[in-house]
ModelCIF file with pLDDT and N, C-alpha, C, O atoms, coordinates in Angstrom:
data_MODEL
#
_entry.id   MODEL 
#
_entity.id                         1 
_entity.type                       polymer 
_entity.pdbx_number_of_molecules   1 
#
_entity_poly.entity_id                      1 
_entity_poly.type                           'polypeptide(L)' 
_entity_poly.nstd_linkage                   no 
_entity_poly.nstd_monomer                   no 
_entity_poly.pdbx_seq_one_letter_code       KMEEFVWSEPDILPLFQNDVVLASLYVDDKEELPEDQKTKIDLG 
_entity_poly.pdbx_seq_one_letter_code_can   KMEEFVWSEPDILPLFQNDVVLASLYVDDKEELPEDQKTKIDLG 
_entity_poly.pdbx_strand_id                 A 
#
loop_
_entity_poly_seq.entity_id 
_entity_poly_seq.num 
_entity_poly_seq.mon_id 
_entity_poly_seq.hetero 
1 1  LYS n 
1 2  MET n 
1 3  GLU n 
1 4  GLU n 
1 5  PHE n 
1 6  VAL n 
1 7  TRP n 
1 8  SER n 
1 9  GLU n 
1 10 PRO n 
1 11 ASP n 
1 12 ILE n 
1 13 LEU n 
1 14 PRO n 
1 15 LEU n 
1 16 PHE n 
1 17 GLN n 
1 18 ASN n 
1 19 ASP n 
1 20 VAL n 
1 21 VAL n 
1 22 LEU n 
1 23 ALA n 
1 24 SER n 
1 25 LEU n 
1 26 TYR n 
1 27 VAL n 
1 28 ASP n 
1 29 ASP n 
1 30 LYS n 
1 31 GLU n 
1 32 GLU n 
1 33 LEU n 
1 34 PRO n 
1 35 GLU n 
1 36 ASP n 
1 37 GLN n 
1 38 LYS n 
1 39 THR n 
1 40 LYS n 
1 41 ILE n 
1 42 ASP n 
1 43 LEU n 
1 44 GLY n 
#
_struct_asym.id          A 
_struct_asym.entity_id   1 
#
loop_
_ma_qa_metric.id 
_ma_qa_metric.mode 
_ma_qa_metric.name 
_ma_qa_metric.software_group_id 
_ma_qa_metric.type 
1 global pLDDT . pLDDT 
2 local  pLDDT . pLDDT 
#
_ma_qa_metric_global.metric_id      1 
_ma_qa_metric_global.metric_value   83.57 
_ma_qa_metric_global.model_id       1 
_ma_qa_metric_global.ordinal_id     1 
#
loop_
_ma_qa_metric_local.label_asym_id 
_ma_qa_metric_local.label_comp_id 
_ma_qa_metric_local.label_seq_id 
_ma_qa_metric_local.metric_id 
_ma_qa_metric_local.metric_value 
_ma_qa_metric_local.model_id 
_ma_qa_metric_local.ordinal_id 
A LYS 1  2 79.00 1 1  
A MET 2  2 86.00 1 2  
A GLU 3  2 84.00 1 3  
A GLU 4  2 79.00 1 4  
A PHE 5  2 80.00 1 5  
A VAL 6  2 88.00 1 6  
A TRP 7  2 89.00 1 7  
A SER 8  2 83.00 1 8  
A GLU 9  2 83.00 1 9  
A PRO 10 2 84.00 1 10 
A ASP 11 2 88.00 1 11 
A ILE 12 2 91.00 1 12 
A LEU 13 2 89.00 1 13 
A PRO 14 2 90.00 1 14 
A LEU 15 2 91.00 1 15 
A PHE 16 2 92.00 1 16 
A GLN 17 2 89.00 1 17 
A ASN 18 2 91.00 1 18 
A ASP 19 2 93.00 1 19 
A VAL 20 2 94.00 1 20 
A VAL 21 2 94.00 1 21 
A LEU 22 2 94.00 1 22 
A ALA 23 2 93.00 1 23 
A SER 24 2 92.00 1 24 
A LEU 25 2 92.00 1 25 
A TYR 26 2 86.00 1 26 
A VAL 27 2 85.00 1 27 
A ASP 28 2 79.00 1 28 
A ASP 29 2 81.00 1 29 
A LYS 30 2 79.00 1 30 
A GLU 31 2 84.00 1 31 
A GLU 32 2 86.00 1 32 
A LEU 33 2 83.00 1 33 
A PRO 34 2 85.00 1 34 
A GLU 35 2 83.00 1 35 
A ASP 36 2 79.00 1 36 
A GLN 37 2 77.00 1 37 
A LYS 38 2 79.00 1 38 
A THR 39 2 77.00 1 39 
A LYS 40 2 75.00 1 40 
A ILE 41 2 70.00 1 41 
A ASP 42 2 66.00 1 42 
A LEU 43 2 57.00 1 43 
A GLY 44 2 58.00 1 44 
#
loop_
_atom_site.group_PDB 
_atom_site.id 
_atom_site.type_symbol 
_atom_site.label_atom_id 
_atom_site.label_alt_id 
_atom_site.label_comp_id 
_atom_site.label_asym_id 
_atom_site.label_entity_id 
_atom_site.label_seq_id 
_atom_site.pdbx_PDB_ins_code 
_atom_site.Cartn_x 
_atom_site.Cartn_y 
_atom_site.Cartn_z 
_atom_site.occupancy 
_atom_site.B_iso_or_equiv 
_atom_site.pdbx_formal_charge 
_atom_site.auth_seq_id 
_atom_site.auth_comp_id 
_atom_site.auth_asym_id 
_atom_site.auth_atom_id 
_atom_site.pdbx_PDB_model_num 
ATOM 1   N N  . LYS A 1 1  ? 82.759 -103.518 0.488   1.00 79.00 ? 1  LYS A N  1 
ATOM 2   C CA . LYS A 1 1  ? 83.845 -104.115 1.259   1.00 79.00 ? 1  LYS A CA 1 
ATOM 3   C C  . LYS A 1 1  ? 83.397 -104.436 2.680   1.00 79.00 ? 1  LYS A C  1 
ATOM 4   O O  . LYS A 1 1  ? 83.753 -105.480 3.226   1.00 79.00 ? 1  LYS A O  1 
ATOM 5   N N  . MET A 1 2  ? 82.618 -103.542 3.276   1.00 86.00 ? 2  MET A N  1 
ATOM 6   C CA . MET A 1 2  ? 82.099 -103.808 4.618   1.00 86.00 ? 2  MET A CA 1 
ATOM 7   C C  . MET A 1 2  ? 81.189 -105.037 4.605   1.00 86.00 ? 2  MET A C  1 
ATOM 8   O O  . MET A 1 2  ? 81.280 -105.889 5.489   1.00 86.00 ? 2  MET A O  1 
ATOM 9   N N  . GLU A 1 3  ? 80.326 -105.126 3.620   1.00 84.00 ? 3  GLU A N  1 
ATOM 10  C CA . GLU A 1 3  ? 79.377 -106.243 3.557   1.00 84.00 ? 3  GLU A CA 1 
ATOM 11  C C  . GLU A 1 3  ? 80.102 -107.573 3.375   1.00 84.00 ? 3  GLU A C  1 
ATOM 12  O O  . GLU A 1 3  ? 79.749 -108.570 4.004   1.00 84.00 ? 3  GLU A O  1 
ATOM 13  N N  . GLU A 1 4  ? 81.124 -107.584 2.506   1.00 79.00 ? 4  GLU A N  1 
ATOM 14  C CA . GLU A 1 4  ? 81.792 -108.843 2.191   1.00 79.00 ? 4  GLU A CA 1 
ATOM 15  C C  . GLU A 1 4  ? 82.812 -109.247 3.241   1.00 79.00 ? 4  GLU A C  1 
ATOM 16  O O  . GLU A 1 4  ? 82.923 -110.426 3.579   1.00 79.00 ? 4  GLU A O  1 
ATOM 17  N N  . PHE A 1 5  ? 83.564 -108.272 3.762   1.00 80.00 ? 5  PHE A N  1 
ATOM 18  C CA . PHE A 1 5  ? 84.684 -108.609 4.624   1.00 80.00 ? 5  PHE A CA 1 
ATOM 19  C C  . PHE A 1 5  ? 84.406 -108.449 6.114   1.00 80.00 ? 5  PHE A C  1 
ATOM 20  O O  . PHE A 1 5  ? 85.140 -108.997 6.937   1.00 80.00 ? 5  PHE A O  1 
ATOM 21  N N  . VAL A 1 6  ? 83.352 -107.701 6.480   1.00 88.00 ? 6  VAL A N  1 
ATOM 22  C CA . VAL A 1 6  ? 83.080 -107.450 7.903   1.00 88.00 ? 6  VAL A CA 1 
ATOM 23  C C  . VAL A 1 6  ? 81.724 -108.031 8.322   1.00 88.00 ? 6  VAL A C  1 
ATOM 24  O O  . VAL A 1 6  ? 81.646 -108.817 9.266   1.00 88.00 ? 6  VAL A O  1 
ATOM 25  N N  . TRP A 1 7  ? 80.676 -107.645 7.625   1.00 89.00 ? 7  TRP A N  1 
ATOM 26  C CA . TRP A 1 7  ? 79.350 -108.162 7.982   1.00 89.00 ? 7  TRP A CA 1 
ATOM 27  C C  . TRP A 1 7  ? 79.330 -109.690 7.967   1.00 89.00 ? 7  TRP A C  1 
ATOM 28  O O  . TRP A 1 7  ? 78.661 -110.307 8.795   1.00 89.00 ? 7  TRP A O  1 
ATOM 29  N N  . SER A 1 8  ? 80.043 -110.292 7.050   1.00 83.00 ? 8  SER A N  1 
ATOM 30  C CA . SER A 1 8  ? 79.974 -111.736 6.846   1.00 83.00 ? 8  SER A CA 1 
ATOM 31  C C  . SER A 1 8  ? 80.724 -112.538 7.896   1.00 83.00 ? 8  SER A C  1 
ATOM 32  O O  . SER A 1 8  ? 80.639 -113.766 7.907   1.00 83.00 ? 8  SER A O  1 
ATOM 33  N N  . GLU A 1 9  ? 81.461 -111.864 8.782   1.00 83.00 ? 9  GLU A N  1 
ATOM 34  C CA . GLU A 1 9  ? 82.210 -112.582 9.807   1.00 83.00 ? 9  GLU A CA 1 
ATOM 35  C C  . GLU A 1 9  ? 81.253 -113.394 10.691  1.00 83.00 ? 9  GLU A C  1 
ATOM 36  O O  . GLU A 1 9  ? 80.169 -112.914 11.022  1.00 83.00 ? 9  GLU A O  1 
ATOM 37  N N  . PRO A 1 10 ? 81.640 -114.616 11.074  1.00 84.00 ? 10 PRO A N  1 
ATOM 38  C CA . PRO A 1 10 ? 80.724 -115.496 11.825  1.00 84.00 ? 10 PRO A CA 1 
ATOM 39  C C  . PRO A 1 10 ? 80.283 -114.957 13.171  1.00 84.00 ? 10 PRO A C  1 
ATOM 40  O O  . PRO A 1 10 ? 79.244 -115.377 13.680  1.00 84.00 ? 10 PRO A O  1 
ATOM 41  N N  . ASP A 1 11 ? 81.038 -114.037 13.770  1.00 88.00 ? 11 ASP A N  1 
ATOM 42  C CA . ASP A 1 11 ? 80.613 -113.467 15.052  1.00 88.00 ? 11 ASP A CA 1 
ATOM 43  C C  . ASP A 1 11 ? 79.918 -112.117 14.896  1.00 88.00 ? 11 ASP A C  1 
ATOM 44  O O  . ASP A 1 11 ? 79.560 -111.482 15.888  1.00 88.00 ? 11 ASP A O  1 
ATOM 45  N N  . ILE A 1 12 ? 79.724 -111.673 13.635  1.00 91.00 ? 12 ILE A N  1 
ATOM 46  C CA . ILE A 1 12 ? 79.002 -110.423 13.385  1.00 91.00 ? 12 ILE A CA 1 
ATOM 47  C C  . ILE A 1 12 ? 77.683 -110.686 12.664  1.00 91.00 ? 12 ILE A C  1 
ATOM 48  O O  . ILE A 1 12 ? 76.665 -110.075 12.989  1.00 91.00 ? 12 ILE A O  1 
ATOM 49  N N  . LEU A 1 13 ? 77.696 -111.587 11.692  1.00 89.00 ? 13 LEU A N  1 
ATOM 50  C CA . LEU A 1 13 ? 76.484 -111.858 10.924  1.00 89.00 ? 13 LEU A CA 1 
ATOM 51  C C  . LEU A 1 13 ? 75.289 -112.244 11.807  1.00 89.00 ? 13 LEU A C  1 
ATOM 52  O O  . LEU A 1 13 ? 74.180 -111.785 11.531  1.00 89.00 ? 13 LEU A O  1 
ATOM 53  N N  . PRO A 1 14 ? 75.459 -113.072 12.865  1.00 90.00 ? 14 PRO A N  1 
ATOM 54  C CA . PRO A 1 14 ? 74.309 -113.386 13.728  1.00 90.00 ? 14 PRO A CA 1 
ATOM 55  C C  . PRO A 1 14 ? 73.689 -112.158 14.390  1.00 90.00 ? 14 PRO A C  1 
ATOM 56  O O  . PRO A 1 14 ? 72.488 -112.146 14.658  1.00 90.00 ? 14 PRO A O  1 
ATOM 57  N N  . LEU A 1 15 ? 74.479 -111.138 14.654  1.00 91.00 ? 15 LEU A N  1 
ATOM 58  C CA . LEU A 1 15 ? 73.925 -109.905 15.228  1.00 91.00 ? 15 LEU A CA 1 
ATOM 59  C C  . LEU A 1 15 ? 72.946 -109.264 14.249  1.00 91.00 ? 15 LEU A C  1 
ATOM 60  O O  . LEU A 1 15 ? 71.894 -108.768 14.651  1.00 91.00 ? 15 LEU A O  1 
ATOM 61  N N  . PHE A 1 16 ? 73.292 -109.276 12.976  1.00 92.00 ? 16 PHE A N  1 
ATOM 62  C CA . PHE A 1 16 ? 72.384 -108.759 11.943  1.00 92.00 ? 16 PHE A CA 1 
ATOM 63  C C  . PHE A 1 16 ? 71.113 -109.601 11.867  1.00 92.00 ? 16 PHE A C  1 
ATOM 64  O O  . PHE A 1 16 ? 70.004 -109.076 11.768  1.00 92.00 ? 16 PHE A O  1 
ATOM 65  N N  . GLN A 1 17 ? 71.298 -110.902 11.914  1.00 89.00 ? 17 GLN A N  1 
ATOM 66  C CA . GLN A 1 17 ? 70.178 -111.811 11.689  1.00 89.00 ? 17 GLN A CA 1 
ATOM 67  C C  . GLN A 1 17 ? 69.211 -111.876 12.872  1.00 89.00 ? 17 GLN A C  1 
ATOM 68  O O  . GLN A 1 17 ? 68.011 -112.082 12.687  1.00 89.00 ? 17 GLN A O  1 
ATOM 69  N N  . ASN A 1 18 ? 69.740 -111.699 14.094  1.00 91.00 ? 18 ASN A N  1 
ATOM 70  C CA . ASN A 1 18 ? 68.921 -111.961 15.281  1.00 91.00 ? 18 ASN A CA 1 
ATOM 71  C C  . ASN A 1 18 ? 68.621 -110.743 16.148  1.00 91.00 ? 18 ASN A C  1 
ATOM 72  O O  . ASN A 1 18 ? 67.610 -110.735 16.850  1.00 91.00 ? 18 ASN A O  1 
ATOM 73  N N  . ASP A 1 19 ? 69.459 -109.722 16.122  1.00 93.00 ? 19 ASP A N  1 
ATOM 74  C CA . ASP A 1 19 ? 69.366 -108.679 17.144  1.00 93.00 ? 19 ASP A CA 1 
ATOM 75  C C  . ASP A 1 19 ? 68.982 -107.299 16.636  1.00 93.00 ? 19 ASP A C  1 
ATOM 76  O O  . ASP A 1 19 ? 68.707 -106.415 17.448  1.00 93.00 ? 19 ASP A O  1 
ATOM 77  N N  . VAL A 1 20 ? 68.951 -107.078 15.328  1.00 94.00 ? 20 VAL A N  1 
ATOM 78  C CA . VAL A 1 20 ? 68.613 -105.755 14.806  1.00 94.00 ? 20 VAL A CA 1 
ATOM 79  C C  . VAL A 1 20 ? 67.681 -105.886 13.606  1.00 94.00 ? 20 VAL A C  1 
ATOM 80  O O  . VAL A 1 20 ? 67.589 -106.936 12.970  1.00 94.00 ? 20 VAL A O  1 
ATOM 81  N N  . VAL A 1 21 ? 66.999 -104.791 13.321  1.00 94.00 ? 21 VAL A N  1 
ATOM 82  C CA . VAL A 1 21 ? 66.273 -104.655 12.056  1.00 94.00 ? 21 VAL A CA 1 
ATOM 83  C C  . VAL A 1 21 ? 67.151 -103.812 11.137  1.00 94.00 ? 21 VAL A C  1 
ATOM 84  O O  . VAL A 1 21 ? 67.450 -102.659 11.450  1.00 94.00 ? 21 VAL A O  1 
ATOM 85  N N  . LEU A 1 22 ? 67.560 -104.372 10.021  1.00 94.00 ? 22 LEU A N  1 
ATOM 86  C CA . LEU A 1 22 ? 68.476 -103.685 9.114   1.00 94.00 ? 22 LEU A CA 1 
ATOM 87  C C  . LEU A 1 22 ? 67.695 -102.820 8.131   1.00 94.00 ? 22 LEU A C  1 
ATOM 88  O O  . LEU A 1 22 ? 66.826 -103.309 7.410   1.00 94.00 ? 22 LEU A O  1 
ATOM 89  N N  . ALA A 1 23 ? 68.015 -101.536 8.114   1.00 93.00 ? 23 ALA A N  1 
ATOM 90  C CA . ALA A 1 23 ? 67.398 -100.600 7.169   1.00 93.00 ? 23 ALA A CA 1 
ATOM 91  C C  . ALA A 1 23 ? 68.494 -100.042 6.267   1.00 93.00 ? 23 ALA A C  1 
ATOM 92  O O  . ALA A 1 23 ? 69.210 -99.120  6.657   1.00 93.00 ? 23 ALA A O  1 
ATOM 93  N N  . SER A 1 24 ? 68.625 -100.595 5.073   1.00 92.00 ? 24 SER A N  1 
ATOM 94  C CA . SER A 1 24 ? 69.632 -100.135 4.116   1.00 92.00 ? 24 SER A CA 1 
ATOM 95  C C  . SER A 1 24 ? 69.012 -99.058  3.239   1.00 92.00 ? 24 SER A C  1 
ATOM 96  O O  . SER A 1 24 ? 68.164 -99.351  2.396   1.00 92.00 ? 24 SER A O  1 
ATOM 97  N N  . LEU A 1 25 ? 69.424 -97.835  3.432   1.00 92.00 ? 25 LEU A N  1 
ATOM 98  C CA . LEU A 1 25 ? 68.871 -96.692  2.703   1.00 92.00 ? 25 LEU A CA 1 
ATOM 99  C C  . LEU A 1 25 ? 69.881 -96.272  1.634   1.00 92.00 ? 25 LEU A C  1 
ATOM 100 O O  . LEU A 1 25 ? 70.972 -95.797  1.952   1.00 92.00 ? 25 LEU A O  1 
ATOM 101 N N  . TYR A 1 26 ? 69.510 -96.450  0.372   1.00 86.00 ? 26 TYR A N  1 
ATOM 102 C CA . TYR A 1 26 ? 70.428 -96.188  -0.740  1.00 86.00 ? 26 TYR A CA 1 
ATOM 103 C C  . TYR A 1 26 ? 70.333 -94.723  -1.148  1.00 86.00 ? 26 TYR A C  1 
ATOM 104 O O  . TYR A 1 26 ? 69.297 -94.263  -1.628  1.00 86.00 ? 26 TYR A O  1 
ATOM 105 N N  . VAL A 1 27 ? 71.421 -94.005  -0.951  1.00 85.00 ? 27 VAL A N  1 
ATOM 106 C CA . VAL A 1 27 ? 71.436 -92.570  -1.240  1.00 85.00 ? 27 VAL A CA 1 
ATOM 107 C C  . VAL A 1 27 ? 71.612 -92.294  -2.728  1.00 85.00 ? 27 VAL A C  1 
ATOM 108 O O  . VAL A 1 27 ? 71.546 -91.142  -3.157  1.00 85.00 ? 27 VAL A O  1 
ATOM 109 N N  . ASP A 1 28 ? 71.835 -93.343  -3.519  1.00 79.00 ? 28 ASP A N  1 
ATOM 110 C CA . ASP A 1 28 ? 71.958 -93.145  -4.972  1.00 79.00 ? 28 ASP A CA 1 
ATOM 111 C C  . ASP A 1 28 ? 70.857 -93.881  -5.732  1.00 79.00 ? 28 ASP A C  1 
ATOM 112 O O  . ASP A 1 28 ? 71.017 -94.212  -6.907  1.00 79.00 ? 28 ASP A O  1 
ATOM 113 N N  . ASP A 1 29 ? 69.733 -94.134  -5.048  1.00 81.00 ? 29 ASP A N  1 
ATOM 114 C CA . ASP A 1 29 ? 68.578 -94.751  -5.705  1.00 81.00 ? 29 ASP A CA 1 
ATOM 115 C C  . ASP A 1 29 ? 67.997 -93.758  -6.718  1.00 81.00 ? 29 ASP A C  1 
ATOM 116 O O  . ASP A 1 29 ? 67.588 -92.658  -6.348  1.00 81.00 ? 29 ASP A O  1 
ATOM 117 N N  . LYS A 1 30 ? 67.963 -94.149  -7.993  1.00 79.00 ? 30 LYS A N  1 
ATOM 118 C CA . LYS A 1 30 ? 67.568 -93.234  -9.064  1.00 79.00 ? 30 LYS A CA 1 
ATOM 119 C C  . LYS A 1 30 ? 66.069 -93.186  -9.329  1.00 79.00 ? 30 LYS A C  1 
ATOM 120 O O  . LYS A 1 30 ? 65.627 -92.450  -10.212 1.00 79.00 ? 30 LYS A O  1 
ATOM 121 N N  . GLU A 1 31 ? 65.282 -93.951  -8.587  1.00 84.00 ? 31 GLU A N  1 
ATOM 122 C CA . GLU A 1 31 ? 63.839 -93.904  -8.780  1.00 84.00 ? 31 GLU A CA 1 
ATOM 123 C C  . GLU A 1 31 ? 63.307 -92.525  -8.395  1.00 84.00 ? 31 GLU A C  1 
ATOM 124 O O  . GLU A 1 31 ? 63.595 -92.026  -7.307  1.00 84.00 ? 31 GLU A O  1 
ATOM 125 N N  . GLU A 1 32 ? 62.536 -91.915  -9.284  1.00 86.00 ? 32 GLU A N  1 
ATOM 126 C CA . GLU A 1 32 ? 62.105 -90.537  -9.069  1.00 86.00 ? 32 GLU A CA 1 
ATOM 127 C C  . GLU A 1 32 ? 60.973 -90.451  -8.050  1.00 86.00 ? 32 GLU A C  1 
ATOM 128 O O  . GLU A 1 32 ? 60.132 -91.344  -7.947  1.00 86.00 ? 32 GLU A O  1 
ATOM 129 N N  . LEU A 1 33 ? 60.979 -89.352  -7.301  1.00 83.00 ? 33 LEU A N  1 
ATOM 130 C CA . LEU A 1 33 ? 59.908 -89.056  -6.353  1.00 83.00 ? 33 LEU A CA 1 
ATOM 131 C C  . LEU A 1 33 ? 58.674 -88.570  -7.114  1.00 83.00 ? 33 LEU A C  1 
ATOM 132 O O  . LEU A 1 33 ? 58.792 -88.118  -8.253  1.00 83.00 ? 33 LEU A O  1 
ATOM 133 N N  . PRO A 1 34 ? 57.502 -88.656  -6.503  1.00 85.00 ? 34 PRO A N  1 
ATOM 134 C CA . PRO A 1 34 ? 56.320 -88.033  -7.112  1.00 85.00 ? 34 PRO A CA 1 
ATOM 135 C C  . PRO A 1 34 ? 56.561 -86.538  -7.312  1.00 85.00 ? 34 PRO A C  1 
ATOM 136 O O  . PRO A 1 34 ? 57.331 -85.930  -6.569  1.00 85.00 ? 34 PRO A O  1 
ATOM 137 N N  . GLU A 1 35 ? 55.914 -85.951  -8.299  1.00 83.00 ? 35 GLU A N  1 
ATOM 138 C CA . GLU A 1 35 ? 56.150 -84.563  -8.658  1.00 83.00 ? 35 GLU A CA 1 
ATOM 139 C C  . GLU A 1 35 ? 55.945 -83.613  -7.484  1.00 83.00 ? 35 GLU A C  1 
ATOM 140 O O  . GLU A 1 35 ? 56.672 -82.629  -7.355  1.00 83.00 ? 35 GLU A O  1 
ATOM 141 N N  . ASP A 1 36 ? 54.955 -83.896  -6.618  1.00 79.00 ? 36 ASP A N  1 
ATOM 142 C CA . ASP A 1 36 ? 54.681 -82.972  -5.510  1.00 79.00 ? 36 ASP A CA 1 
ATOM 143 C C  . ASP A 1 36 ? 55.700 -83.092  -4.384  1.00 79.00 ? 36 ASP A C  1 
ATOM 144 O O  . ASP A 1 36 ? 55.621 -82.345  -3.408  1.00 79.00 ? 36 ASP A O  1 
ATOM 145 N N  . GLN A 1 37 ? 56.673 -84.031  -4.498  1.00 77.00 ? 37 GLN A N  1 
ATOM 146 C CA . GLN A 1 37 ? 57.714 -84.160  -3.480  1.00 77.00 ? 37 GLN A CA 1 
ATOM 147 C C  . GLN A 1 37 ? 59.074 -83.679  -3.977  1.00 77.00 ? 37 GLN A C  1 
ATOM 148 O O  . GLN A 1 37 ? 60.031 -83.634  -3.205  1.00 77.00 ? 37 GLN A O  1 
ATOM 149 N N  . LYS A 1 38 ? 59.169 -83.322  -5.252  1.00 79.00 ? 38 LYS A N  1 
ATOM 150 C CA . LYS A 1 38 ? 60.420 -82.807  -5.790  1.00 79.00 ? 38 LYS A CA 1 
ATOM 151 C C  . LYS A 1 38 ? 60.586 -81.351  -5.385  1.00 79.00 ? 38 LYS A C  1 
ATOM 152 O O  . LYS A 1 38 ? 59.604 -80.622  -5.246  1.00 79.00 ? 38 LYS A O  1 
ATOM 153 N N  . THR A 1 39 ? 61.827 -80.931  -5.195  1.00 77.00 ? 39 THR A N  1 
ATOM 154 C CA . THR A 1 39 ? 62.070 -79.561  -4.782  1.00 77.00 ? 39 THR A CA 1 
ATOM 155 C C  . THR A 1 39 ? 63.492 -79.150  -5.140  1.00 77.00 ? 39 THR A C  1 
ATOM 156 O O  . THR A 1 39 ? 64.292 -79.979  -5.574  1.00 77.00 ? 39 THR A O  1 
ATOM 157 N N  . LYS A 1 40 ? 63.802 -77.884  -4.961  1.00 75.00 ? 40 LYS A N  1 
ATOM 158 C CA . LYS A 1 40 ? 65.145 -77.348  -5.144  1.00 75.00 ? 40 LYS A CA 1 
ATOM 159 C C  . LYS A 1 40 ? 65.505 -76.540  -3.910  1.00 75.00 ? 40 LYS A C  1 
ATOM 160 O O  . LYS A 1 40 ? 64.647 -75.910  -3.292  1.00 75.00 ? 40 LYS A O  1 
ATOM 161 N N  . ILE A 1 41 ? 66.787 -76.567  -3.558  1.00 70.00 ? 41 ILE A N  1 
ATOM 162 C CA . ILE A 1 41 ? 67.243 -75.842  -2.376  1.00 70.00 ? 41 ILE A CA 1 
ATOM 163 C C  . ILE A 1 41 ? 68.424 -74.973  -2.774  1.00 70.00 ? 41 ILE A C  1 
ATOM 164 O O  . ILE A 1 41 ? 69.411 -75.471  -3.316  1.00 70.00 ? 41 ILE A O  1 
ATOM 165 N N  . ASP A 1 42 ? 68.329 -73.695  -2.511  1.00 66.00 ? 42 ASP A N  1 
ATOM 166 C CA . ASP A 1 42 ? 69.370 -72.737  -2.863  1.00 66.00 ? 42 ASP A CA 1 
ATOM 167 C C  . ASP A 1 42 ? 70.506 -72.842  -1.855  1.00 66.00 ? 42 ASP A C  1 
ATOM 168 O O  . ASP A 1 42 ? 70.306 -72.590  -0.666  1.00 66.00 ? 42 ASP A O  1 
ATOM 169 N N  . LEU A 1 43 ? 71.698 -73.213  -2.320  1.00 57.00 ? 43 LEU A N  1 
ATOM 170 C CA . LEU A 1 43 ? 72.862 -73.329  -1.450  1.00 57.00 ? 43 LEU A CA 1 
ATOM 171 C C  . LEU A 1 43 ? 73.732 -72.079  -1.482  1.00 57.00 ? 43 LEU A C  1 
ATOM 172 O O  . LEU A 1 43 ? 74.751 -72.014  -0.794  1.00 57.00 ? 43 LEU A O  1 
ATOM 173 N N  . GLY A 1 44 ? 73.337 -71.086  -2.274  1.00 58.00 ? 44 GLY A N  1 
ATOM 174 C CA . GLY A 1 44 ? 74.136 -69.878  -2.386  1.00 58.00 ? 44 GLY A CA 1 
ATOM 175 C C  . GLY A 1 44 ? 75.250 -70.017  -3.401  1.00 58.00 ? 44 GLY A C  1 
ATOM 176 O O  . GLY A 1 44 ? 76.016 -69.077  -3.610  1.00 58.00 ? 44 GLY A O  1 
#
């Protein structure tokens, strides 16, 4: 919704295109890490 209704506004989209480097980090990317980077964390 943000991408379609807010980012696309004509006075906001140029800020993305000209003034910043956009780093979209997907927190649900299912590609697995190498085995030596996998871990478990005890939350109690």
